[in-house]
Amino acid sequence: MILENLVLWIEQKPTVRLNDSITSLSHGLFQECGRLICRGSESYLYVYIYENFHIVDLPWNWPITWYLAAIGVDFCYYWLHRACHEVHILWAQHQVHHSSEDYNLAVGLRQSALQGWCGFAFYLPLALVIPPSQFVTHQYFNLLFQFWIHTETVKTLGPLEWIFNTPNHHRVHHGSNIYCLDTNYAGVLIIWDRMFGTFAREREDEEIIYGLVYNQPSFNPVHLQTFYTKYVVQRFQAMKGWKNKLAAIFYGPSWQPGKPRLGLEEDKVKVTKREKYDVKLPLWCNTYLLIHFAVVVYGFHQLAIRHLALNPLTVIGFVIYIIASLTNIGLLFDNHKYAPVFEVLRCMLLVTAVQRMSFPDIEASTLVAAEVFFLLSGIFWFLKSINVLDLKATEKCKTG
């Protein structure tokens, strides 16, 4: 990511925006926090099917086993990804990944906390053939490959564009232009899109507009994770008859009653060039948020190292605190009126935890530094929150 921004700076192109990038990274931490709680349980069904129903024994050290795993995982990912765009309730989770109006490596980490659970069934047929160890290995290789294709610094890879998914192809997938919608679902191999008619080339004469067709003006990761699911529920409730209610959940996002499953092309919204959502904050505030985000990442890292030895309820408690911290960082980026008050509560909660809980594996000097750091942060935002409350009281008095 540093190298990407260095290239953009050398080319005199816009570098990443702090608010949008931290929001993307926060979504990545949301996903990883979920994995700390679940501890790999989403793979249990795959292991169960393989142990009881697999139809062939492939040696673990046989090259064909690994090749089949690589191709099989990528093939299943194509259909999982396509379903996430064509099934409304799955799109409600996947839309998080498309919610950024930027396109950079940080966006590759902007993931849904629930999509892994919603889409895991697409991989289960592989359990009849592919051993769990090879499956899990190539599932992660597949996702790692997709990280680097989220960039505008790589234009084309020449002949490799015919076989592999590349930044050139994936830029189209992330566009909200009409020609970009529902295209280029590939993970590693673009051949699946070419085979199944969902491939689209990047157009040199048309700027790609990133983000959702109907963008949400927010840097709050919890809101971005959940708002569309609420919309699906509202649409379900508004429909008359169970046939339409179920269609509102399982048909495409563009579906309307009496229309085809994926809706009509002429009904799709034509997105034109638009101004990106942004909130200008002073340098000191951006610096504060960057430092606190780094502290949250450090805290997550420490939790990830120790979580298997901790009580599950303790892990859940720390995960909730991390999610709350990232949420309020997003609210501060949004300049939300109550964010200063929430920040006071967040900082004081950490100070209280340091004072009352034992952390035998962490040095005392680190704990003291954390306590002083969060105490000073809490005092600062307490003074800011008092100022906010005073202003509101004045406005109310004037109105009266």
Protein backbone atom coordinates (compact mmCIF):
# COMPACT_ATOMS: atom_id res chain seq x y z
CA MET A 1 0.00 0.00 0.00
CA ILE A 2 2.90 2.35 0.71
CA LEU A 3 4.44 1.48 -2.64
CA GLU A 4 1.13 2.09 -4.39
CA ASN A 5 0.88 5.58 -2.92
CA LEU A 6 4.49 6.30 -3.78
CA VAL A 7 3.78 5.44 -7.42
CA LEU A 8 0.65 7.63 -7.41
CA TRP A 9 2.63 10.51 -5.90
CA ILE A 10 5.40 10.16 -8.51
CA GLU A 11 2.78 10.12 -11.27
CA GLN A 12 1.19 13.23 -9.70
CA LYS A 13 -2.12 11.46 -9.21
CA PRO A 14 -4.38 11.62 -6.14
CA THR A 15 -3.13 9.45 -3.29
CA VAL A 16 -5.38 7.63 -0.86
CA ARG A 17 -7.78 9.50 1.39
CA LEU A 18 -7.17 8.83 5.07
CA ASN A 19 -10.86 8.61 6.01
CA ASP A 20 -11.80 6.21 3.22
CA SER A 21 -8.70 4.01 3.66
CA ILE A 22 -9.13 3.64 7.43
CA THR A 23 -12.79 2.79 6.82
CA SER A 24 -11.71 0.05 4.39
CA LEU A 25 -9.16 -1.31 6.86
CA SER A 26 -11.80 -1.20 9.62
CA HIS A 27 -14.01 -3.51 7.56
CA GLY A 28 -11.08 -5.90 7.24
CA LEU A 29 -10.68 -5.90 11.03
CA PHE A 30 -14.43 -6.53 11.41
CA GLN A 31 -14.03 -9.66 9.30
CA GLU A 32 -10.99 -10.84 11.26
CA CYS A 33 -12.72 -10.20 14.59
CA GLY A 34 -15.50 -12.50 13.43
CA ARG A 35 -12.92 -15.19 12.71
CA LEU A 36 -11.48 -14.85 16.22
CA ILE A 37 -14.91 -15.57 17.69
CA CYS A 38 -15.84 -18.39 15.31
CA ARG A 39 -12.37 -19.99 15.44
CA GLY A 40 -12.72 -21.68 12.05
CA SER A 41 -16.13 -23.21 12.75
CA GLU A 42 -17.37 -22.18 9.29
CA SER A 43 -15.13 -24.95 7.90
CA TYR A 44 -16.68 -27.62 10.12
CA LEU A 45 -19.36 -28.63 7.60
CA TYR A 46 -16.77 -29.04 4.85
CA VAL A 47 -14.68 -31.33 7.07
CA TYR A 48 -17.78 -33.29 8.07
CA ILE A 49 -18.85 -33.88 4.45
CA TYR A 50 -15.35 -34.93 3.42
CA GLU A 51 -14.90 -37.34 6.33
CA ASN A 52 -18.27 -39.03 5.75
CA PHE A 53 -19.11 -38.69 2.06
CA HIS A 54 -15.99 -38.10 -0.08
CA ILE A 55 -15.93 -40.31 -3.19
CA VAL A 56 -12.21 -40.46 -3.95
CA ASP A 57 -8.99 -40.45 -1.92
CA LEU A 58 -6.46 -38.01 -3.38
CA PRO A 59 -2.92 -38.24 -1.89
CA TRP A 60 -1.91 -35.02 -0.16
CA ASN A 61 1.50 -34.99 -1.91
CA TRP A 62 0.13 -35.72 -5.38
CA PRO A 63 0.49 -32.59 -7.62
CA ILE A 64 -2.87 -33.21 -9.29
CA THR A 65 -4.54 -32.86 -5.86
CA TRP A 66 -3.23 -29.33 -5.53
CA TYR A 67 -4.06 -28.40 -9.13
CA LEU A 68 -7.62 -29.67 -8.75
CA ALA A 69 -7.96 -27.74 -5.49
CA ALA A 70 -6.74 -24.51 -7.13
CA ILE A 71 -9.07 -24.82 -10.13
CA GLY A 72 -12.01 -26.08 -8.09
CA VAL A 73 -11.80 -23.28 -5.51
CA ASP A 74 -11.55 -20.65 -8.24
CA PHE A 75 -14.50 -22.12 -10.17
CA CYS A 76 -16.67 -22.15 -7.03
CA TYR A 77 -15.55 -18.62 -6.15
CA TYR A 78 -16.79 -17.39 -9.56
CA TRP A 79 -20.30 -18.70 -8.84
CA LEU A 80 -20.23 -17.48 -5.24
CA HIS A 81 -19.20 -14.02 -6.41
CA ARG A 82 -21.79 -14.00 -9.18
CA ALA A 83 -24.50 -15.04 -6.73
CA CYS A 84 -23.46 -12.19 -4.43
CA HIS A 85 -24.42 -9.79 -7.24
CA GLU A 86 -27.53 -11.63 -8.43
CA VAL A 87 -29.17 -12.66 -5.14
CA HIS A 88 -30.46 -9.68 -3.19
CA ILE A 89 -29.76 -10.91 0.34
CA LEU A 90 -26.22 -11.93 -0.65
CA TRP A 91 -25.68 -8.54 -2.32
CA ALA A 92 -26.72 -6.95 0.99
CA GLN A 93 -23.53 -8.41 2.47
CA HIS A 94 -21.22 -8.10 -0.55
CA GLN A 95 -22.09 -4.45 -1.26
CA VAL A 96 -19.72 -3.49 1.57
CA HIS A 97 -16.81 -4.37 -0.72
CA HIS A 98 -18.16 -1.99 -3.39
CA SER A 99 -19.03 0.89 -1.07
CA SER A 100 -15.78 2.83 -1.49
CA GLU A 101 -15.69 5.62 -4.07
CA ASP A 102 -11.93 5.06 -4.37
CA TYR A 103 -10.10 2.12 -5.91
CA ASN A 104 -6.88 1.15 -4.20
CA LEU A 105 -5.30 -1.71 -2.29
CA ALA A 106 -7.09 -0.77 0.93
CA VAL A 107 -10.39 -1.51 -0.84
CA GLY A 108 -9.19 -5.10 -1.22
CA LEU A 109 -9.53 -5.41 2.56
CA ARG A 110 -13.00 -3.80 2.69
CA GLN A 111 -14.92 -7.03 3.27
CA SER A 112 -18.26 -8.08 4.71
CA ALA A 113 -18.26 -9.62 8.17
CA LEU A 114 -21.04 -12.06 7.14
CA GLN A 115 -20.36 -12.90 3.50
CA GLY A 116 -18.12 -15.85 4.42
CA TRP A 117 -21.02 -17.44 6.28
CA CYS A 118 -23.56 -16.63 3.58
CA GLY A 119 -21.44 -17.98 0.72
CA PHE A 120 -19.63 -20.95 2.23
CA ALA A 121 -22.18 -23.41 0.81
CA PHE A 122 -20.86 -22.77 -2.70
CA TYR A 123 -17.63 -24.57 -1.81
CA LEU A 124 -19.21 -27.64 -0.21
CA PRO A 125 -19.41 -29.76 -3.43
CA LEU A 126 -15.59 -29.75 -3.42
CA ALA A 127 -15.70 -31.71 -0.15
CA LEU A 128 -16.67 -34.80 -2.15
CA VAL A 129 -13.21 -34.78 -3.76
CA ILE A 130 -10.76 -32.23 -2.31
CA PRO A 131 -9.23 -32.87 1.16
CA PRO A 132 -9.90 -30.07 3.70
CA SER A 133 -6.23 -29.05 4.03
CA GLN A 134 -5.83 -28.42 0.29
CA PHE A 135 -9.18 -26.66 0.14
CA VAL A 136 -8.41 -24.24 2.99
CA THR A 137 -4.92 -23.55 1.62
CA HIS A 138 -6.15 -22.65 -1.85
CA GLN A 139 -9.14 -20.73 -0.54
CA TYR A 140 -6.71 -18.39 1.20
CA PHE A 141 -4.33 -18.29 -1.77
CA ASN A 142 -7.32 -17.33 -3.91
CA LEU A 143 -8.21 -14.43 -1.61
CA LEU A 144 -4.58 -13.31 -1.31
CA PHE A 145 -4.29 -13.15 -5.09
CA GLN A 146 -7.30 -10.84 -5.24
CA PHE A 147 -5.72 -8.27 -2.92
CA TRP A 148 -3.23 -6.86 -5.45
CA ILE A 149 -5.76 -6.40 -8.28
CA HIS A 150 -7.39 -3.51 -6.40
CA THR A 151 -5.20 -0.76 -7.84
CA GLU A 152 -5.13 1.84 -10.59
CA THR A 153 -1.32 1.89 -10.76
CA VAL A 154 -1.14 -1.24 -12.95
CA LYS A 155 -2.65 -0.59 -16.38
CA THR A 156 -2.27 -3.84 -18.32
CA LEU A 157 -0.37 -7.14 -18.18
CA GLY A 158 -0.51 -7.82 -21.91
CA PRO A 159 -1.25 -11.44 -22.94
CA LEU A 160 -1.85 -12.46 -19.30
CA GLU A 161 -5.10 -10.46 -19.47
CA TRP A 162 -6.59 -13.35 -21.51
CA ILE A 163 -6.12 -15.88 -18.71
CA PHE A 164 -5.82 -14.16 -15.35
CA ASN A 165 -7.94 -11.67 -13.46
CA THR A 166 -5.95 -8.43 -13.35
CA PRO A 167 -6.35 -4.85 -12.11
CA ASN A 168 -7.55 -3.95 -15.61
CA HIS A 169 -10.42 -6.44 -15.41
CA HIS A 170 -11.28 -5.87 -11.76
CA ARG A 171 -11.52 -2.10 -12.15
CA VAL A 172 -14.46 -2.75 -14.46
CA HIS A 173 -16.08 -5.00 -11.86
CA HIS A 174 -15.94 -2.21 -9.26
CA GLY A 175 -17.41 0.43 -11.55
CA SER A 176 -21.00 1.64 -11.25
CA ASN A 177 -21.13 2.63 -14.92
CA ILE A 178 -23.84 0.75 -16.83
CA TYR A 179 -21.35 -1.32 -18.81
CA CYS A 180 -19.51 -2.31 -15.60
CA LEU A 181 -22.48 -3.73 -13.73
CA ASP A 182 -22.58 -7.50 -13.17
CA THR A 183 -19.33 -8.27 -14.98
CA ASN A 184 -15.88 -9.80 -14.31
CA TYR A 185 -16.66 -12.00 -11.31
CA ALA A 186 -13.38 -13.94 -11.55
CA GLY A 187 -11.08 -14.63 -8.63
CA VAL A 188 -7.83 -15.75 -10.25
CA LEU A 189 -8.81 -16.95 -13.74
CA ILE A 190 -10.76 -14.57 -15.99
CA ILE A 191 -11.56 -17.53 -18.27
CA TRP A 192 -14.74 -18.23 -16.26
CA ASP A 193 -16.18 -14.84 -17.25
CA ARG A 194 -15.20 -15.42 -20.87
CA MET A 195 -16.85 -18.86 -20.78
CA PHE A 196 -20.10 -17.81 -19.09
CA GLY A 197 -20.68 -14.47 -20.85
CA THR A 198 -19.97 -12.05 -18.03
CA PHE A 199 -16.71 -10.56 -19.32
CA ALA A 200 -16.34 -6.84 -20.08
CA ARG A 201 -13.29 -4.87 -21.21
CA GLU A 202 -12.22 -1.58 -19.67
CA ARG A 203 -13.15 1.33 -21.93
CA GLU A 204 -10.42 3.86 -22.55
CA ASP A 205 -12.92 6.59 -23.49
CA GLU A 206 -15.10 6.32 -20.36
CA GLU A 207 -13.95 7.08 -16.83
CA ILE A 208 -14.91 4.40 -14.33
CA ILE A 209 -17.01 5.73 -11.46
CA TYR A 210 -16.43 3.68 -8.32
CA GLY A 211 -18.83 3.02 -5.48
CA LEU A 212 -22.43 1.88 -5.23
CA VAL A 213 -25.10 3.01 -7.68
CA TYR A 214 -26.79 4.62 -4.67
CA ASN A 215 -23.87 5.59 -2.45
CA GLN A 216 -24.10 5.92 1.29
CA PRO A 217 -22.44 9.13 2.58
CA SER A 218 -20.75 7.67 5.65
CA PHE A 219 -17.43 6.45 7.05
CA ASN A 220 -19.21 4.50 9.82
CA PRO A 221 -18.30 0.83 9.19
CA VAL A 222 -21.25 -0.59 11.17
CA HIS A 223 -23.69 1.48 9.09
CA LEU A 224 -22.01 0.40 5.84
CA GLN A 225 -22.14 -3.25 6.94
CA THR A 226 -25.83 -3.20 7.86
CA PHE A 227 -27.78 -0.50 5.98
CA TYR A 228 -28.52 -2.61 2.91
CA THR A 229 -29.74 -5.60 4.93
CA LYS A 230 -32.24 -3.23 6.56
CA TYR A 231 -33.32 -2.15 3.07
CA VAL A 232 -33.87 -5.79 2.00
CA VAL A 233 -36.03 -6.35 5.09
CA GLN A 234 -38.05 -3.20 4.33
CA ARG A 235 -38.52 -4.32 0.72
CA PHE A 236 -39.65 -7.76 1.89
CA GLN A 237 -42.22 -6.18 4.21
CA ALA A 238 -43.49 -3.82 1.50
CA MET A 239 -44.18 -6.56 -1.06
CA LYS A 240 -47.65 -8.09 -1.39
CA GLY A 241 -47.92 -11.84 -1.57
CA TRP A 242 -45.34 -14.44 -0.57
CA LYS A 243 -44.11 -14.93 -4.12
CA ASN A 244 -43.05 -11.27 -4.36
CA LYS A 245 -41.77 -11.25 -0.78
CA LEU A 246 -39.43 -14.17 -1.47
CA ALA A 247 -38.41 -12.63 -4.80
CA ALA A 248 -37.43 -9.44 -2.93
CA ILE A 249 -34.91 -11.55 -1.03
CA PHE A 250 -33.66 -14.06 -3.59
CA TYR A 251 -33.97 -12.26 -6.95
CA GLY A 252 -31.55 -9.59 -8.14
CA PRO A 253 -31.17 -6.11 -6.63
CA SER A 254 -32.77 -4.53 -9.74
CA TRP A 255 -35.81 -6.84 -9.76
CA GLN A 256 -39.29 -5.33 -9.75
CA PRO A 257 -42.65 -7.17 -9.60
CA GLY A 258 -43.59 -8.49 -13.02
CA LYS A 259 -40.02 -8.09 -14.34
CA PRO A 260 -37.30 -10.73 -15.05
CA ARG A 261 -35.25 -12.14 -12.16
CA LEU A 262 -32.39 -9.67 -12.67
CA GLY A 263 -34.57 -6.76 -13.77
CA LEU A 264 -34.52 -4.94 -17.09
CA GLU A 265 -31.46 -3.19 -18.49
CA GLU A 266 -33.46 -0.05 -19.21
CA ASP A 267 -34.49 0.21 -15.55
CA LYS A 268 -30.90 0.39 -14.30
CA VAL A 269 -29.68 3.79 -13.12
CA LYS A 270 -27.11 5.48 -15.33
CA VAL A 271 -24.45 6.79 -12.95
CA THR A 272 -22.62 9.90 -14.13
CA LYS A 273 -19.57 11.66 -12.71
CA ARG A 274 -20.23 12.69 -9.13
CA GLU A 275 -18.43 14.36 -6.27
CA LYS A 276 -17.01 11.96 -3.70
CA TYR A 277 -18.31 12.08 -0.16
CA ASP A 278 -15.68 13.71 2.01
CA VAL A 279 -15.52 15.54 5.35
CA LYS A 280 -12.67 17.98 5.86
CA LEU A 281 -11.18 17.69 9.33
CA PRO A 282 -8.28 19.66 10.83
CA LEU A 283 -4.82 18.09 10.74
CA TRP A 284 -4.76 17.47 14.50
CA CYS A 285 -8.00 15.47 14.28
CA ASN A 286 -6.78 13.32 11.38
CA THR A 287 -3.52 12.72 13.26
CA TYR A 288 -5.43 11.74 16.39
CA LEU A 289 -7.63 9.30 14.45
CA LEU A 290 -4.64 7.77 12.65
CA ILE A 291 -2.81 7.20 15.96
CA HIS A 292 -5.86 5.70 17.64
CA PHE A 293 -6.52 3.46 14.66
CA ALA A 294 -2.92 2.21 14.91
CA VAL A 295 -3.50 1.52 18.62
CA VAL A 296 -6.65 -0.47 17.78
CA VAL A 297 -4.68 -2.50 15.21
CA TYR A 298 -2.02 -3.19 17.84
CA GLY A 299 -4.71 -4.25 20.31
CA PHE A 300 -6.26 -6.56 17.74
CA HIS A 301 -2.85 -8.06 17.04
CA GLN A 302 -2.33 -8.80 20.73
CA LEU A 303 -5.79 -10.35 20.95
CA ALA A 304 -5.15 -12.50 17.88
CA ILE A 305 -1.97 -13.86 19.47
CA ARG A 306 -3.66 -14.74 22.77
CA HIS A 307 -7.31 -15.46 21.91
CA LEU A 308 -7.05 -19.26 21.94
CA ALA A 309 -5.86 -19.16 25.55
CA LEU A 310 -8.56 -16.73 26.71
CA ASN A 311 -12.07 -17.33 27.96
CA PRO A 312 -14.50 -17.03 24.99
CA LEU A 313 -16.51 -14.36 26.82
CA THR A 314 -13.33 -12.32 27.30
CA VAL A 315 -12.57 -12.60 23.59
CA ILE A 316 -16.11 -11.49 22.72
CA GLY A 317 -15.76 -8.53 25.10
CA PHE A 318 -12.53 -7.35 23.49
CA VAL A 319 -13.98 -7.88 19.99
CA ILE A 320 -16.97 -5.70 20.90
CA TYR A 321 -14.60 -3.01 22.17
CA ILE A 322 -12.55 -3.13 18.95
CA ILE A 323 -15.69 -2.87 16.81
CA ALA A 324 -16.99 0.00 18.95
CA SER A 325 -13.64 1.78 18.64
CA LEU A 326 -13.56 1.45 14.85
CA THR A 327 -17.17 2.59 14.67
CA ASN A 328 -16.50 5.75 16.64
CA ILE A 329 -13.41 6.50 14.57
CA GLY A 330 -15.76 6.39 11.58
CA LEU A 331 -18.23 8.68 13.34
CA LEU A 332 -15.43 11.16 14.05
CA PHE A 333 -14.46 11.06 10.36
CA ASP A 334 -18.13 11.84 9.63
CA ASN A 335 -17.96 14.69 12.15
CA HIS A 336 -21.00 13.19 13.88
CA LYS A 337 -22.36 15.47 16.58
CA TYR A 338 -22.30 12.82 19.32
CA ALA A 339 -18.93 11.28 18.39
CA PRO A 340 -16.98 13.34 20.99
CA VAL A 341 -19.23 12.02 23.77
CA PHE A 342 -18.84 8.45 22.57
CA GLU A 343 -15.07 8.94 22.40
CA VAL A 344 -14.98 9.99 26.06
CA LEU A 345 -16.85 6.81 27.00
CA ARG A 346 -14.57 4.66 24.84
CA CYS A 347 -11.38 6.08 26.34
CA MET A 348 -12.62 5.88 29.92
CA LEU A 349 -13.74 2.29 29.40
CA LEU A 350 -10.21 1.35 28.34
CA VAL A 351 -8.70 3.17 31.34
CA THR A 352 -11.08 1.30 33.66
CA ALA A 353 -10.20 -2.04 32.04
CA VAL A 354 -6.46 -1.42 32.49
CA GLN A 355 -6.97 -0.56 36.16
CA ARG A 356 -9.29 -3.45 37.05
CA MET A 357 -8.19 -6.35 34.85
CA SER A 358 -4.95 -8.32 34.95
CA PHE A 359 -2.78 -8.58 31.85
CA PRO A 360 0.08 -10.89 32.90
CA ASP A 361 1.61 -11.19 29.41
CA ILE A 362 1.90 -7.43 28.84
CA GLU A 363 4.65 -5.32 30.39
CA ALA A 364 3.61 -2.92 33.14
CA SER A 365 5.19 0.04 31.32
CA THR A 366 3.00 -0.67 28.26
CA LEU A 367 -0.12 -0.73 30.41
CA VAL A 368 0.83 2.53 32.14
CA ALA A 369 1.48 4.18 28.78
CA ALA A 370 -1.91 2.98 27.49
CA GLU A 371 -3.66 4.24 30.62
CA VAL A 372 -2.07 7.70 30.39
CA PHE A 373 -2.67 7.91 26.62
CA PHE A 374 -6.38 7.06 26.86
CA LEU A 375 -6.86 9.18 29.98
CA LEU A 376 -5.49 12.26 28.21
CA SER A 377 -7.56 11.45 25.12
CA GLY A 378 -10.70 11.11 27.24
CA ILE A 379 -10.07 14.40 29.03
CA PHE A 380 -9.55 16.18 25.70
CA TRP A 381 -12.82 14.90 24.21
CA PHE A 382 -14.65 15.56 27.46
CA LEU A 383 -13.75 19.22 27.09
CA LYS A 384 -14.80 19.09 23.44
CA SER A 385 -18.10 17.38 24.30
CA ILE A 386 -18.89 20.02 26.91
CA ASN A 387 -18.37 22.65 24.25
CA VAL A 388 -20.71 20.78 21.89
CA LEU A 389 -23.39 20.51 24.57
CA ASP A 390 -23.05 24.20 25.44
CA LEU A 391 -23.51 25.17 21.78
CA LYS A 392 -26.62 23.03 21.50
CA ALA A 393 -28.05 24.59 24.64
CA THR A 394 -27.40 28.07 23.25
CA GLU A 395 -29.10 27.24 19.96
CA LYS A 396 -32.08 25.81 21.75
CA CYS A 397 -32.34 28.92 23.92
CA LYS A 398 -32.24 31.17 20.87
CA THR A 399 -34.97 29.13 19.18
CA GLY A 400 -37.16 29.40 22.26
